[in-house]
Amino acid sequence: MTPPYWVVWCEDGGSPTYKHPGPMDAQREAERLARAHPGKSFVVLCPIARVTETRLKVENFDPTDDGIPF
């Protein structure tokens, strides 16, 4: 399976903010950012796995219930 997206990360900090649809899109963005921020390094990353917890507990409450049983 092809990775669903790629991100660009600055090694000096900050979090990726955009999911690029392809590796070349991300690389072009890394190059643009490197030109805009001389001396900083930008890395193109792709996910190797996705883990999702699917158990979910939903509780519904009746906002009109005043708690009086009669």
N, C-alpha and C. Protein backbone atom coordinates (compact mmCIF):
# COMPACT_ATOMS: atom_id res chain seq x y z
N MET A 1 0.85 -1.19 0.00
CA MET A 1 0.00 0.00 0.00
C MET A 1 0.89 1.24 0.00
N THR A 2 0.56 2.22 -0.82
CA THR A 2 1.29 3.48 -0.89
C THR A 2 0.94 4.34 0.32
N PRO A 3 1.94 4.99 0.92
CA PRO A 3 1.63 5.89 2.05
C PRO A 3 0.58 6.92 1.62
N PRO A 4 -0.35 7.25 2.51
CA PRO A 4 -1.45 8.15 2.14
C PRO A 4 -1.04 9.62 2.03
N TYR A 5 0.12 9.97 2.59
CA TYR A 5 0.55 11.37 2.53
C TYR A 5 2.01 11.47 2.95
N TRP A 6 2.58 12.65 2.74
CA TRP A 6 3.94 12.97 3.15
C TRP A 6 3.90 14.31 3.86
N VAL A 7 4.80 14.52 4.81
CA VAL A 7 4.88 15.79 5.53
C VAL A 7 6.31 16.30 5.48
N VAL A 8 6.46 17.60 5.73
CA VAL A 8 7.77 18.24 5.79
C VAL A 8 7.98 18.69 7.23
N TRP A 9 9.12 18.31 7.78
CA TRP A 9 9.44 18.63 9.17
C TRP A 9 10.77 19.36 9.25
N CYS A 10 10.81 20.42 10.04
CA CYS A 10 12.05 21.16 10.26
C CYS A 10 12.77 20.53 11.45
N GLU A 11 14.03 20.15 11.26
CA GLU A 11 14.79 19.51 12.33
C GLU A 11 15.01 20.42 13.53
N ASP A 12 14.90 21.73 13.33
CA ASP A 12 15.09 22.67 14.44
C ASP A 12 13.84 22.87 15.28
N GLY A 13 12.77 22.16 14.96
CA GLY A 13 11.55 22.26 15.75
C GLY A 13 10.35 22.58 14.90
N GLY A 14 9.23 22.63 15.56
CA GLY A 14 7.97 22.86 14.86
C GLY A 14 7.36 21.56 14.41
N SER A 15 6.08 21.58 14.18
CA SER A 15 5.36 20.39 13.75
C SER A 15 4.90 20.54 12.31
N PRO A 16 4.84 19.43 11.58
CA PRO A 16 4.27 19.51 10.23
C PRO A 16 2.83 20.01 10.30
N THR A 17 2.44 20.80 9.32
CA THR A 17 1.09 21.36 9.33
C THR A 17 0.27 21.00 8.11
N TYR A 18 0.89 20.32 7.14
CA TYR A 18 0.19 20.02 5.89
C TYR A 18 0.53 18.61 5.43
N LYS A 19 -0.48 17.90 4.97
CA LYS A 19 -0.29 16.56 4.40
C LYS A 19 -0.20 16.69 2.89
N HIS A 20 0.97 16.43 2.35
CA HIS A 20 1.18 16.52 0.90
C HIS A 20 0.73 15.22 0.24
N PRO A 21 0.08 15.30 -0.92
CA PRO A 21 -0.45 14.10 -1.58
C PRO A 21 0.60 13.20 -2.21
N GLY A 22 1.79 13.73 -2.44
CA GLY A 22 2.83 12.92 -3.07
C GLY A 22 4.21 13.32 -2.58
N PRO A 23 5.19 12.44 -2.76
CA PRO A 23 6.54 12.72 -2.27
C PRO A 23 7.19 13.92 -2.96
N MET A 24 6.95 14.10 -4.25
CA MET A 24 7.55 15.22 -4.96
C MET A 24 6.95 16.55 -4.52
N ASP A 25 5.65 16.55 -4.19
CA ASP A 25 5.02 17.76 -3.66
C ASP A 25 5.70 18.16 -2.35
N ALA A 26 5.92 17.18 -1.50
CA ALA A 26 6.56 17.45 -0.21
C ALA A 26 8.01 17.89 -0.40
N GLN A 27 8.71 17.28 -1.33
CA GLN A 27 10.10 17.67 -1.57
C GLN A 27 10.19 19.10 -2.10
N ARG A 28 9.29 19.46 -3.00
CA ARG A 28 9.29 20.85 -3.49
C ARG A 28 9.04 21.83 -2.34
N GLU A 29 8.14 21.46 -1.43
CA GLU A 29 7.87 22.33 -0.28
C GLU A 29 9.10 22.40 0.63
N ALA A 30 9.78 21.28 0.84
CA ALA A 30 11.00 21.29 1.66
C ALA A 30 12.05 22.20 1.03
N GLU A 31 12.18 22.14 -0.28
CA GLU A 31 13.14 23.01 -0.99
C GLU A 31 12.76 24.48 -0.85
N ARG A 32 11.47 24.76 -0.98
CA ARG A 32 11.00 26.15 -0.83
C ARG A 32 11.30 26.66 0.58
N LEU A 33 10.99 25.84 1.58
CA LEU A 33 11.23 26.24 2.97
C LEU A 33 12.72 26.41 3.25
N ALA A 34 13.55 25.53 2.70
CA ALA A 34 15.00 25.65 2.90
C ALA A 34 15.54 26.95 2.29
N ARG A 35 15.02 27.32 1.12
CA ARG A 35 15.45 28.59 0.51
C ARG A 35 14.98 29.77 1.36
N ALA A 36 13.79 29.66 1.93
CA ALA A 36 13.24 30.75 2.75
C ALA A 36 13.90 30.85 4.12
N HIS A 37 14.53 29.76 4.58
CA HIS A 37 15.14 29.71 5.91
C HIS A 37 16.55 29.13 5.81
N PRO A 38 17.49 29.90 5.27
CA PRO A 38 18.86 29.41 5.09
C PRO A 38 19.44 28.87 6.41
N GLY A 39 20.13 27.75 6.31
CA GLY A 39 20.76 27.14 7.48
C GLY A 39 19.90 26.13 8.20
N LYS A 40 18.61 26.13 7.93
CA LYS A 40 17.71 25.15 8.56
C LYS A 40 17.53 23.96 7.62
N SER A 41 17.36 22.79 8.21
CA SER A 41 17.16 21.57 7.43
C SER A 41 15.70 21.13 7.51
N PHE A 42 15.18 20.71 6.36
CA PHE A 42 13.80 20.23 6.27
C PHE A 42 13.80 18.81 5.74
N VAL A 43 13.02 17.95 6.36
CA VAL A 43 13.01 16.53 6.04
C VAL A 43 11.63 16.14 5.54
N VAL A 44 11.58 15.33 4.49
CA VAL A 44 10.33 14.79 3.96
C VAL A 44 10.09 13.44 4.64
N LEU A 45 8.94 13.30 5.26
CA LEU A 45 8.59 12.08 6.01
C LEU A 45 7.30 11.48 5.47
N CYS A 46 7.20 10.15 5.55
CA CYS A 46 5.94 9.48 5.22
C CYS A 46 5.62 8.49 6.32
N PRO A 47 4.36 8.22 6.56
CA PRO A 47 3.99 7.28 7.61
C PRO A 47 4.33 5.84 7.21
N ILE A 48 4.67 5.04 8.20
CA ILE A 48 4.91 3.62 7.94
C ILE A 48 3.79 2.76 8.52
N ALA A 49 2.95 3.36 9.34
CA ALA A 49 1.83 2.63 9.93
C ALA A 49 0.81 3.62 10.45
N ARG A 50 -0.41 3.14 10.61
CA ARG A 50 -1.47 3.93 11.24
C ARG A 50 -2.13 3.02 12.27
N VAL A 51 -2.28 3.50 13.48
CA VAL A 51 -2.89 2.73 14.55
C VAL A 51 -4.08 3.53 15.07
N THR A 52 -5.22 2.88 15.14
CA THR A 52 -6.44 3.56 15.59
C THR A 52 -7.14 2.71 16.63
N GLU A 53 -7.46 3.30 17.75
CA GLU A 53 -8.28 2.64 18.77
C GLU A 53 -9.73 2.87 18.38
N THR A 54 -10.49 1.81 18.21
CA THR A 54 -11.85 1.97 17.69
C THR A 54 -12.95 1.80 18.73
N ARG A 55 -12.58 1.41 19.94
CA ARG A 55 -13.63 1.29 20.95
C ARG A 55 -14.10 2.69 21.35
N LEU A 56 -15.38 2.83 21.47
CA LEU A 56 -15.95 4.13 21.79
C LEU A 56 -17.14 3.94 22.70
N LYS A 57 -17.22 4.73 23.73
CA LYS A 57 -18.35 4.68 24.64
C LYS A 57 -19.13 5.99 24.50
N VAL A 58 -20.41 5.87 24.20
CA VAL A 58 -21.27 7.04 24.05
C VAL A 58 -22.36 6.95 25.11
N GLU A 59 -22.52 8.01 25.86
CA GLU A 59 -23.60 8.10 26.85
C GLU A 59 -24.49 9.26 26.45
N ASN A 60 -25.78 9.00 26.32
CA ASN A 60 -26.74 10.05 26.00
C ASN A 60 -27.51 10.41 27.25
N PHE A 61 -27.75 11.67 27.43
CA PHE A 61 -28.48 12.17 28.58
C PHE A 61 -29.71 12.93 28.11
N ASP A 62 -30.77 12.84 28.91
CA ASP A 62 -32.02 13.53 28.59
C ASP A 62 -32.00 14.87 29.31
N PRO A 63 -31.82 15.98 28.60
CA PRO A 63 -31.75 17.27 29.26
C PRO A 63 -33.07 17.72 29.87
N THR A 64 -34.18 17.04 29.53
CA THR A 64 -35.47 17.42 30.10
C THR A 64 -35.78 16.62 31.34
N ASP A 65 -34.97 15.64 31.72
CA ASP A 65 -35.19 14.82 32.91
C ASP A 65 -34.76 15.59 34.13
N ASP A 66 -35.71 15.89 35.03
CA ASP A 66 -35.38 16.65 36.23
C ASP A 66 -35.01 15.73 37.41
N GLY A 67 -35.00 14.42 37.19
CA GLY A 67 -34.59 13.48 38.23
C GLY A 67 -35.69 13.07 39.17
N ILE A 68 -36.86 13.67 39.09
CA ILE A 68 -37.98 13.31 39.96
C ILE A 68 -38.72 12.15 39.32
N PRO A 69 -38.85 11.00 40.04
CA PRO A 69 -39.41 9.79 39.42
C PRO A 69 -40.93 9.82 39.25
N PHE A 70 -41.62 10.85 39.61
CA PHE A 70 -43.08 10.87 39.44
C PHE A 70 -43.57 12.13 38.79
